[in-house]
PDB file of N, CA and C in Angstrom:
ATOM      1  N   MET A   1       0.788  -1.238  -0.077  1.00  0.00           N
ATOM      2  CA  MET A   1      -0.185   0.307   0.157  1.00  0.00           C
ATOM      3  C   MET A   1       0.947   1.291   0.127  1.00  0.00           C
ATOM      4  N   GLN A   2       2.119   1.063   0.991  1.00  0.00           N
ATOM      5  CA  GLN A   2       2.967   2.458   0.734  1.00  0.00           C
ATOM      6  C   GLN A   2       3.456   2.591  -0.490  1.00  0.00           C
ATOM      7  N   LEU A   3       3.841   1.299  -1.296  1.00  0.00           N
ATOM      8  CA  LEU A   3       4.705   1.771  -2.257  1.00  0.00           C
ATOM      9  C   LEU A   3       3.361   2.603  -3.433  1.00  0.00           C
ATOM     10  N   VAL A   4       2.287   2.006  -3.482  1.00  0.00           N
ATOM     11  CA  VAL A   4       1.546   2.703  -4.262  1.00  0.00           C
ATOM     12  C   VAL A   4       1.515   4.456  -3.904  1.00  0.00           C
ATOM     13  N   LEU A   5       1.127   4.456  -2.856  1.00  0.00           N
ATOM     14  CA  LEU A   5       1.084   5.930  -2.413  1.00  0.00           C
ATOM     15  C   LEU A   5       2.156   6.594  -2.656  1.00  0.00           C
ATOM     16  N   PHE A   6       3.292   6.002  -2.658  1.00  0.00           N
ATOM     17  CA  PHE A   6       4.633   6.589  -3.260  1.00  0.00           C
ATOM     18  C   PHE A   6       4.400   7.263  -4.754  1.00  0.00           C
ATOM     19  N   PHE A   7       4.182   6.329  -5.812  1.00  0.00           N
ATOM     20  CA  PHE A   7       4.080   6.376  -6.989  1.00  0.00           C
ATOM     21  C   PHE A   7       2.545   7.213  -7.145  1.00  0.00           C
ATOM     22  N   LEU A   8       2.116   7.488  -6.771  1.00  0.00           N
ATOM     23  CA  LEU A   8       0.803   8.458  -6.720  1.00  0.00           C
ATOM     24  C   LEU A   8       1.566  10.023  -6.293  1.00  0.00           C
ATOM     25  N   LYS A   9       2.462  10.103  -5.256  1.00  0.00           N
ATOM     26  CA  LYS A   9       3.214  11.159  -5.312  1.00  0.00           C
ATOM     27  C   LYS A   9       3.796  11.554  -5.841  1.00  0.00           C
ATOM     28  N   VAL A  10       4.716  10.874  -6.807  1.00  0.00           N
ATOM     29  CA  VAL A  10       5.867  11.368  -7.767  1.00  0.00           C
ATOM     30  C   VAL A  10       5.348  12.336  -8.581  1.00  0.00           C
ATOM     31  N   GLU A  11       4.322  12.746  -8.915  1.00  0.00           N
ATOM     32  CA  GLU A  11       4.333  13.430 -10.135  1.00  0.00           C
ATOM     33  C   GLU A  11       4.256  15.104  -9.107  1.00  0.00           C
ATOM     34  N   ASP A  12       4.169  15.335  -7.753  1.00  0.00           N
ATOM     35  CA  ASP A  12       4.734  15.960  -7.015  1.00  0.00           C
ATOM     36  C   ASP A  12       6.079  16.556  -6.840  1.00  0.00           C
ATOM     37  N   TYR A  13       6.906  15.818  -7.409  1.00  0.00           N
ATOM     38  CA  TYR A  13       8.278  15.995  -7.837  1.00  0.00           C
ATOM     39  C   TYR A  13       8.891  16.137  -9.027  1.00  0.00           C
ATOM     40  N   MET A  14       8.129  15.980  -9.571  1.00  0.00           N
ATOM     41  CA  MET A  14       8.639  16.349 -11.157  1.00  0.00           C
ATOM     42  C   MET A  14       9.032  17.685 -11.387  1.00  0.00           C
ATOM     43  N   LEU A  15      10.423  17.918 -12.130  1.00  0.00           N
ATOM     44  CA  LEU A  15      11.280  18.924 -12.650  1.00  0.00           C
ATOM     45  C   LEU A  15      10.408  19.504 -13.608  1.00  0.00           C
ATOM     46  N   PRO A  16       9.895  21.091 -13.678  1.00  0.00           N
ATOM     47  CA  PRO A  16       9.448  21.711 -14.737  1.00  0.00           C
ATOM     48  C   PRO A  16      10.090  21.540 -16.312  1.00  0.00           C
ATOM     49  N   CYS A  17       9.877  22.103 -17.271  1.00  0.00           N
ATOM     50  CA  CYS A  17      10.374  22.159 -18.293  1.00  0.00           C
ATOM     51  C   CYS A  17      10.687  23.908 -18.414  1.00  0.00           C
ATOM     52  N   PHE A  18      12.411  24.056 -18.101  1.00  0.00           N
ATOM     53  CA  PHE A  18      13.162  25.378 -18.286  1.00  0.00           C
ATOM     54  C   PHE A  18      12.723  25.612 -19.975  1.00  0.00           C
ATOM     55  N   SER A  19      12.639  24.798 -20.515  1.00  0.00           N
ATOM     56  CA  SER A  19      12.314  25.657 -22.250  1.00  0.00           C
ATOM     57  C   SER A  19      11.083  26.071 -22.236  1.00  0.00           C
ATOM     58  N   LYS A  20      10.195  25.303 -21.841  1.00  0.00           N
ATOM     59  CA  LYS A  20       8.608  25.453 -21.863  1.00  0.00           C
ATOM     60  C   LYS A  20       8.228  26.803 -21.122  1.00  0.00           C
ATOM     61  N   GLN A  21       8.964  27.380 -19.632  1.00  0.00           N
ATOM     62  CA  GLN A  21       8.759  28.080 -18.879  1.00  0.00           C
ATOM     63  C   GLN A  21       9.305  29.346 -19.677  1.00  0.00           C
ATOM     64  N   ILE A  22      10.397  29.443 -20.581  1.00  0.00           N
ATOM     65  CA  ILE A  22      11.344  30.673 -20.676  1.00  0.00           C
ATOM     66  C   ILE A  22      10.742  31.297 -21.898  1.00  0.00           C
ATOM     67  N   PHE A  23      10.735  30.252 -23.051  1.00  0.00           N
ATOM     68  CA  PHE A  23      10.403  30.215 -24.288  1.00  0.00           C
ATOM     69  C   PHE A  23       9.119  30.058 -24.806  1.00  0.00           C
ATOM     70  N   GLY A  24       8.373  29.370 -23.988  1.00  0.00           N
ATOM     71  CA  GLY A  24       6.901  28.683 -23.918  1.00  0.00           C
ATOM     72  C   GLY A  24       6.656  27.282 -25.304  1.00  0.00           C
ATOM     73  N   LEU A  25       7.726  27.032 -25.296  1.00  0.00           N
ATOM     74  CA  LEU A  25       7.678  25.998 -26.431  1.00  0.00           C
ATOM     75  C   LEU A  25       8.018  24.493 -25.574  1.00  0.00           C
ATOM     76  N   ASP A  26       7.681  23.461 -26.097  1.00  0.00           N
ATOM     77  CA  ASP A  26       8.207  22.085 -25.536  1.00  0.00           C
ATOM     78  C   ASP A  26       9.476  21.683 -25.836  1.00  0.00           C
ATOM     79  N   CYS A  27      10.434  20.970 -24.959  1.00  0.00           N
ATOM     80  CA  CYS A  27      11.865  20.527 -25.647  1.00  0.00           C
ATOM     81  C   CYS A  27      11.659  19.368 -26.244  1.00  0.00           C
ATOM     82  N   PRO A  28      12.659  18.371 -26.753  1.00  0.00           N
ATOM     83  CA  PRO A  28      12.600  17.256 -27.118  1.00  0.00           C
ATOM     84  C   PRO A  28      12.517  16.251 -26.101  1.00  0.00           C
ATOM     85  N   GLY A  29      12.432  16.741 -25.009  1.00  0.00           N
ATOM     86  CA  GLY A  29      12.331  15.876 -23.577  1.00  0.00           C
ATOM     87  C   GLY A  29      11.551  15.837 -22.907  1.00  0.00           C
ATOM     88  N   CYS A  30      10.284  17.164 -23.177  1.00  0.00           N
ATOM     89  CA  CYS A  30       8.821  17.226 -22.819  1.00  0.00           C
ATOM     90  C   CYS A  30       8.162  15.988 -23.000  1.00  0.00           C
ATOM     91  N   GLY A  31       7.650  15.153 -21.478  1.00  0.00           N
ATOM     92  CA  GLY A  31       7.167  14.005 -21.706  1.00  0.00           C
ATOM     93  C   GLY A  31       7.466  12.958 -20.876  1.00  0.00           C
ATOM     94  N   ILE A  32       8.908  13.020 -20.889  1.00  0.00           N
ATOM     95  CA  ILE A  32       9.426  11.736 -20.274  1.00  0.00           C
ATOM     96  C   ILE A  32       9.643  11.504 -18.789  1.00  0.00           C
ATOM     97  N   GLN A  33       9.240  12.759 -18.394  1.00  0.00           N
ATOM     98  CA  GLN A  33       9.270  12.199 -16.611  1.00  0.00           C
ATOM     99  C   GLN A  33       7.771  11.707 -16.511  1.00  0.00           C
ATOM    100  N   ARG A  34       6.801  11.867 -17.090  1.00  0.00           N
ATOM    101  CA  ARG A  34       5.368  11.382 -16.813  1.00  0.00           C
ATOM    102  C   ARG A  34       5.461  10.340 -17.523  1.00  0.00           C
ATOM    103  N   SER A  35       5.773  10.086 -18.545  1.00  0.00           N
ATOM    104  CA  SER A  35       5.902   8.811 -19.306  1.00  0.00           C
ATOM    105  C   SER A  35       6.446   7.800 -18.493  1.00  0.00           C
ATOM    106  N   LEU A  36       8.076   8.043 -17.394  1.00  0.00           N
ATOM    107  CA  LEU A  36       8.202   6.878 -16.329  1.00  0.00           C
ATOM    108  C   LEU A  36       7.024   6.750 -15.400  1.00  0.00           C
ATOM    109  N   SER A  37       6.596   7.979 -14.822  1.00  0.00           N
ATOM    110  CA  SER A  37       5.827   7.603 -13.777  1.00  0.00           C
ATOM    111  C   SER A  37       4.691   7.166 -14.355  1.00  0.00           C
ATOM    112  N   LEU A  38       3.958   6.987 -15.182  1.00  0.00           N
ATOM    113  CA  LEU A  38       3.183   5.981 -16.159  1.00  0.00           C
ATOM    114  C   LEU A  38       3.481   4.613 -16.197  1.00  0.00           C
ATOM    115  N   LEU A  39       4.979   4.589 -16.839  1.00  0.00           N
ATOM    116  CA  LEU A  39       5.408   3.152 -16.843  1.00  0.00           C
ATOM    117  C   LEU A  39       5.296   2.599 -15.384  1.00  0.00           C
ATOM    118  N   LEU A  40       5.763   3.171 -14.138  1.00  0.00           N
ATOM    119  CA  LEU A  40       5.596   2.769 -12.840  1.00  0.00           C
ATOM    120  C   LEU A  40       4.071   2.275 -12.523  1.00  0.00           C
ATOM    121  N   GLN A  41       3.553   3.152 -13.135  1.00  0.00           N
ATOM    122  CA  GLN A  41       2.047   2.786 -12.569  1.00  0.00           C
ATOM    123  C   GLN A  41       1.625   1.711 -13.636  1.00  0.00           C
ATOM    124  N   ARG A  42       2.264   1.064 -14.364  1.00  0.00           N
ATOM    125  CA  ARG A  42       1.645  -0.003 -15.662  1.00  0.00           C
ATOM    126  C   ARG A  42       0.910   0.534 -16.613  1.00  0.00           C
ATOM    127  N   ASP A  43       0.975   1.502 -16.963  1.00  0.00           N
ATOM    128  CA  ASP A  43      -0.307   2.291 -17.615  1.00  0.00           C
ATOM    129  C   ASP A  43       1.228   2.876 -19.299  1.00  0.00           C
ATOM    130  N   PHE A  44       0.989   1.307 -19.919  1.00  0.00           N
ATOM    131  CA  PHE A  44       1.903   0.985 -20.633  1.00  0.00           C
ATOM    132  C   PHE A  44       1.864   1.627 -22.358  1.00  0.00           C
ATOM    133  N   VAL A  45       0.350   2.082 -22.579  1.00  0.00           N
ATOM    134  CA  VAL A  45      -0.066   2.527 -23.777  1.00  0.00           C
ATOM    135  C   VAL A  45       0.249   3.898 -23.369  1.00  0.00           C
ATOM    136  N   ALA A  46      -0.257   4.301 -22.677  1.00  0.00           N
ATOM    137  CA  ALA A  46      -0.272   6.062 -21.806  1.00  0.00           C
ATOM    138  C   ALA A  46       1.221   6.502 -21.966  1.00  0.00           C
ATOM    139  N   ALA A  47       1.964   5.311 -21.522  1.00  0.00           N
ATOM    140  CA  ALA A  47       3.490   5.945 -20.958  1.00  0.00           C
ATOM    141  C   ALA A  47       3.870   6.266 -22.873  1.00  0.00           C
ATOM    142  N   PHE A  48       3.273   5.277 -24.194  1.00  0.00           N
ATOM    143  CA  PHE A  48       4.188   5.195 -25.445  1.00  0.00           C
ATOM    144  C   PHE A  48       3.329   6.607 -25.913  1.00  0.00           C
ATOM    145  N   LYS A  49       2.082   6.939 -25.567  1.00  0.00           N
ATOM    146  CA  LYS A  49       1.734   7.912 -26.086  1.00  0.00           C
ATOM    147  C   LYS A  49       2.150   9.265 -25.657  1.00  0.00           C
ATOM    148  N   MET A  50       2.355   9.273 -24.165  1.00  0.00           N
ATOM    149  CA  MET A  50       2.875  10.265 -23.537  1.00  0.00           C
ATOM    150  C   MET A  50       4.163  10.681 -24.057  1.00  0.00           C
ATOM    151  N   TYR A  51       5.409   9.547 -24.633  1.00  0.00           N
ATOM    152  CA  TYR A  51       6.617   9.936 -25.258  1.00  0.00           C
ATOM    153  C   TYR A  51       6.721   8.674 -25.485  1.00  0.00           C
ATOM    154  N   PRO A  52       6.889   8.706 -27.003  1.00  0.00           N
ATOM    155  CA  PRO A  52       6.949   7.365 -27.798  1.00  0.00           C
ATOM    156  C   PRO A  52       8.250   6.471 -27.861  1.00  0.00           C
ATOM    157  N   ALA A  53       9.084   7.529 -27.736  1.00  0.00           N
ATOM    158  CA  ALA A  53      10.833   7.043 -27.245  1.00  0.00           C
ATOM    159  C   ALA A  53      10.994   6.111 -26.225  1.00  0.00           C
ATOM    160  N   ILE A  54      10.597   6.240 -25.644  1.00  0.00           N
ATOM    161  CA  ILE A  54      10.530   5.556 -24.197  1.00  0.00           C
ATOM    162  C   ILE A  54      10.822   4.251 -23.991  1.00  0.00           C
ATOM    163  N   TYR A  55      10.501   3.231 -24.603  1.00  0.00           N
ATOM    164  CA  TYR A  55      10.614   1.821 -24.792  1.00  0.00           C
ATOM    165  C   TYR A  55      12.168   1.948 -25.010  1.00  0.00           C
ATOM    166  N   SER A  56      12.293   2.510 -26.397  1.00  0.00           N
ATOM    167  CA  SER A  56      13.826   2.148 -26.981  1.00  0.00           C
ATOM    168  C   SER A  56      15.030   3.223 -26.512  1.00  0.00           C
ATOM    169  N   LEU A  57      14.482   4.284 -25.422  1.00  0.00           N
ATOM    170  CA  LEU A  57      15.389   4.899 -25.150  1.00  0.00           C
ATOM    171  C   LEU A  57      15.781   3.710 -23.590  1.00  0.00           C
ATOM    172  N   LEU A  58      14.775   3.565 -22.956  1.00  0.00           N
ATOM    173  CA  LEU A  58      15.138   2.350 -21.951  1.00  0.00           C
ATOM    174  C   LEU A  58      16.352   1.163 -22.290  1.00  0.00           C
ATOM    175  N   LEU A  59      15.332   0.505 -23.542  1.00  0.00           N
ATOM    176  CA  LEU A  59      16.182  -0.160 -23.719  1.00  0.00           C
ATOM    177  C   LEU A  59      17.670  -0.170 -24.559  1.00  0.00           C
ATOM    178  N   LEU A  60      18.037   1.420 -24.721  1.00  0.00           N
ATOM    179  CA  LEU A  60      19.226   1.349 -25.034  1.00  0.00           C
ATOM    180  C   LEU A  60      20.105   1.549 -23.882  1.00  0.00           C
ATOM    181  N   PHE A  61      19.281   2.473 -22.677  1.00  0.00           N
ATOM    182  CA  PHE A  61      19.859   2.223 -21.664  1.00  0.00           C
ATOM    183  C   PHE A  61      20.593   0.916 -20.381  1.00  0.00           C
ATOM    184  N   GLY A  62      19.470   0.077 -20.775  1.00  0.00           N
ATOM    185  CA  GLY A  62      19.839  -1.489 -20.121  1.00  0.00           C
ATOM    186  C   GLY A  62      20.515  -2.048 -20.763  1.00  0.00           C
ATOM    187  N   PHE A  63      20.912  -1.509 -22.452  1.00  0.00           N
ATOM    188  CA  PHE A  63      21.853  -2.605 -23.370  1.00  0.00           C
ATOM    189  C   PHE A  63      23.474  -1.942 -22.990  1.00  0.00           C
ATOM    190  N   LEU A  64      23.442  -0.298 -22.757  1.00  0.00           N
ATOM    191  CA  LEU A  64      24.876   0.177 -22.167  1.00  0.00           C
ATOM    192  C   LEU A  64      25.025  -0.544 -21.036  1.00  0.00           C
ATOM    193  N   LEU A  65      24.028  -0.515 -19.619  1.00  0.00           N
ATOM    194  CA  LEU A  65      24.716  -1.000 -18.650  1.00  0.00           C
ATOM    195  C   LEU A  65      24.900  -2.637 -18.831  1.00  0.00           C
ATOM    196  N   LEU A  66      24.163  -3.433 -19.753  1.00  0.00           N
ATOM    197  CA  LEU A  66      24.757  -4.359 -19.904  1.00  0.00           C
ATOM    198  C   LEU A  66      25.923  -5.042 -20.660  1.00  0.00           C
ATOM    199  N   ASP A  67      26.387  -4.053 -21.663  1.00  0.00           N
ATOM    200  CA  ASP A  67      27.085  -3.752 -22.007  1.00  0.00           C
ATOM    201  C   ASP A  67      28.795  -3.619 -21.379  1.00  0.00           C
ATOM    202  N   ASN A  68      28.273  -2.761 -20.082  1.00  0.00           N
ATOM    203  CA  ASN A  68      29.709  -2.643 -19.522  1.00  0.00           C
ATOM    204  C   ASN A  68      29.966  -4.252 -18.574  1.00  0.00           C
ATOM    205  N   PHE A  69      29.055  -4.852 -18.322  1.00  0.00           N
ATOM    206  CA  PHE A  69      29.533  -6.095 -17.578  1.00  0.00           C
ATOM    207  C   PHE A  69      29.638  -7.716 -18.349  1.00  0.00           C
ATOM    208  N   PHE A  70      29.206  -7.246 -19.635  1.00  0.00           N
ATOM    209  CA  PHE A  70      29.398  -8.547 -20.355  1.00  0.00           C
ATOM    210  C   PHE A  70      29.772  -8.019 -21.317  1.00  0.00           C
ATOM    211  N   LYS A  71      30.501  -8.968 -22.454  1.00  0.00           N
ATOM    212  CA  LYS A  71      31.063  -8.636 -23.491  1.00  0.00           C
ATOM    213  C   LYS A  71      30.496  -9.212 -24.667  1.00  0.00           C
ATOM    214  N   ILE A  72      29.634  -8.367 -25.303  1.00  0.00           N
ATOM    215  CA  ILE A  72      28.893  -8.646 -26.554  1.00  0.00           C
ATOM    216  C   ILE A  72      29.177  -8.653 -27.625  1.00  0.00           C
ATOM    217  N   LYS A  73      28.863  -9.610 -28.260  1.00  0.00           N
ATOM    218  CA  LYS A  73      29.553  -9.669 -29.842  1.00  0.00           C
ATOM    219  C   LYS A  73      28.503  -8.152 -30.707  1.00  0.00           C
ATOM    220  N   PHE A  74      29.047  -8.075 -31.484  1.00  0.00           N
ATOM    221  CA  PHE A  74      28.330  -6.997 -32.415  1.00  0.00           C
ATOM    222  C   PHE A  74      27.732  -5.254 -31.589  1.00  0.00           C
ATOM    223  N   SER A  75      28.381  -5.242 -30.009  1.00  0.00           N
ATOM    224  CA  SER A  75      27.727  -4.309 -29.226  1.00  0.00           C
ATOM    225  C   SER A  75      27.402  -2.794 -29.991  1.00  0.00           C
ATOM    226  N   ASN A  76      28.930  -2.800 -30.883  1.00  0.00           N
ATOM    227  CA  ASN A  76      28.710  -0.870 -31.127  1.00  0.00           C
ATOM    228  C   ASN A  76      27.743  -0.724 -32.718  1.00  0.00           C
ATOM    229  N   THR A  77      27.395  -2.018 -32.985  1.00  0.00           N
ATOM    230  CA  THR A  77      26.278  -1.911 -33.652  1.00  0.00           C
ATOM    231  C   THR A  77      25.041  -1.445 -33.677  1.00  0.00           C
ATOM    232  N   ILE A  78      25.057  -2.638 -32.697  1.00  0.00           N
ATOM    233  CA  ILE A  78      23.513  -2.643 -31.781  1.00  0.00           C
ATOM    234  C   ILE A  78      23.677  -1.440 -30.957  1.00  0.00           C
ATOM    235  N   ILE A  79      24.463  -0.536 -30.651  1.00  0.00           N
ATOM    236  CA  ILE A  79      24.227   0.794 -29.701  1.00  0.00           C
ATOM    237  C   ILE A  79      23.903   1.842 -30.984  1.00  0.00           C
ATOM    238  N   ILE A  80      25.033   1.759 -31.682  1.00  0.00           N
ATOM    239  CA  ILE A  80      24.537   3.005 -32.879  1.00  0.00           C
ATOM    240  C   ILE A  80      22.845   2.633 -33.558  1.00  0.00           C
ATOM    241  N   THR A  81      22.571   1.509 -33.655  1.00  0.00           N
ATOM    242  CA  THR A  81      21.007   1.079 -34.294  1.00  0.00           C
ATOM    243  C   THR A  81      20.427   1.268 -32.980  1.00  0.00           C
ATOM    244  N   LEU A  82      20.440   1.648 -31.983  1.00  0.00           N
ATOM    245  CA  LEU A  82      19.721   1.779 -30.878  1.00  0.00           C
ATOM    246  C   LEU A  82      19.528   3.326 -30.733  1.00  0.00           C
ATOM    247  N   THR A  83      20.397   3.976 -30.627  1.00  0.00           N
ATOM    248  CA  THR A  83      20.579   5.236 -30.838  1.00  0.00           C
ATOM    249  C   THR A  83      20.078   5.738 -31.730  1.00  0.00           C
ATOM    250  N   SER A  84      19.764   5.452 -33.176  1.00  0.00           N
ATOM    251  CA  SER A  84      19.811   5.952 -34.094  1.00  0.00           C
ATOM    252  C   SER A  84      17.782   5.922 -34.182  1.00  0.00           C
ATOM    253  N   VAL A  85      17.491   4.753 -33.715  1.00  0.00           N
ATOM    254  CA  VAL A  85      16.021   4.982 -33.706  1.00  0.00           C
ATOM    255  C   VAL A  85      15.405   5.536 -32.650  1.00  0.00           C
ATOM    256  N   THR A  86      16.113   5.842 -31.400  1.00  0.00           N
ATOM    257  CA  THR A  86      16.052   6.729 -30.398  1.00  0.00           C
ATOM    258  C   THR A  86      15.770   8.163 -30.566  1.00  0.00           C
ATOM    259  N   ILE A  87      16.526   8.770 -31.369  1.00  0.00           N
ATOM    260  CA  ILE A  87      16.816   9.817 -31.770  1.00  0.00           C
ATOM    261  C   ILE A  87      15.738  10.361 -32.866  1.00  0.00           C
ATOM    262  N   ILE A  88      15.818   9.169 -33.751  1.00  0.00           N
ATOM    263  CA  ILE A  88      14.574   9.659 -34.696  1.00  0.00           C
ATOM    264  C   ILE A  88      13.211   9.228 -34.376  1.00  0.00           C
ATOM    265  N   LEU A  89      12.827   8.585 -33.320  1.00  0.00           N
ATOM    266  CA  LEU A  89      11.616   8.721 -32.551  1.00  0.00           C
ATOM    267  C   LEU A  89      11.093   9.923 -31.802  1.00  0.00           C
ATOM    268  N   ILE A  90      12.497  10.529 -30.714  1.00  0.00           N
ATOM    269  CA  ILE A  90      12.712  11.764 -30.299  1.00  0.00           C
ATOM    270  C   ILE A  90      12.249  13.291 -31.276  1.00  0.00           C
ATOM    271  N   LEU A  91      12.846  12.805 -32.423  1.00  0.00           N
ATOM    272  CA  LEU A  91      12.669  14.141 -33.000  1.00  0.00           C
ATOM    273  C   LEU A  91      11.415  14.190 -34.075  1.00  0.00           C
ATOM    274  N   MET A  92      10.557  12.928 -34.209  1.00  0.00           N
ATOM    275  CA  MET A  92       9.223  12.529 -34.668  1.00  0.00           C
ATOM    276  C   MET A  92       8.435  13.112 -33.982  1.00  0.00           C
ATOM    277  N   ASN A  93       8.577  12.725 -32.965  1.00  0.00           N
ATOM    278  CA  ASN A  93       7.719  13.127 -31.677  1.00  0.00           C
ATOM    279  C   ASN A  93       7.701  14.901 -31.353  1.00  0.00           C
ATOM    280  N   TYR A  94       8.899  15.240 -31.405  1.00  0.00           N
ATOM    281  CA  TYR A  94       8.736  16.787 -31.533  1.00  0.00           C
ATOM    282  C   TYR A  94       8.310  17.600 -32.478  1.00  0.00           C
ATOM    283  N   PHE A  95       8.700  17.258 -33.374  1.00  0.00           N
ATOM    284  CA  PHE A  95       7.847  17.570 -34.597  1.00  0.00           C
ATOM    285  C   PHE A  95       6.557  17.676 -34.585  1.00  0.00           C
ATOM    286  N   LEU A  96       5.829  16.371 -34.274  1.00  0.00           N
ATOM    287  CA  LEU A  96       4.287  16.172 -34.634  1.00  0.00           C
ATOM    288  C   LEU A  96       4.077  16.899 -33.767  1.00  0.00           C
ATOM    289  N   LYS A  97       4.641  17.490 -32.740  1.00  0.00           N
ATOM    290  CA  LYS A  97       3.727  18.106 -31.427  1.00  0.00           C
ATOM    291  C   LYS A  97       3.118  19.513 -32.075  1.00  0.00           C
ATOM    292  N   PHE A  98       3.983  19.931 -33.160  1.00  0.00           N
ATOM    293  CA  PHE A  98       3.883  21.502 -33.745  1.00  0.00           C
ATOM    294  C   PHE A  98       2.785  21.449 -34.749  1.00  0.00           C
ATOM    295  N   LEU A  99       2.198  20.156 -35.149  1.00  0.00           N
ATOM    296  CA  LEU A  99       1.368  20.252 -36.427  1.00  0.00           C
ATOM    297  C   LEU A  99      -0.329  20.248 -35.810  1.00  0.00           C
TER     298      LEU A  99
END
């Protein structure tokens, strides 16, 4: 029960987007905190809708962490591919917000 209450109050501690506060425009990272919060609440579809690059970003960070502990064949190619996919998703999401 206490764990559920912790996740409900996570939104109270989210950092504001300074780009949005200063310039009035979303930054490419806007939505990632709420998306992580939705993932913690097990709302996977809403997390994707909030920030579509969340899954590729988590996969990239997980692979980078795994690559530090184990020698993985073709790790450079995998890292470059995951990074490219993540960047493309972030930029597509960013530009689609303006349409």
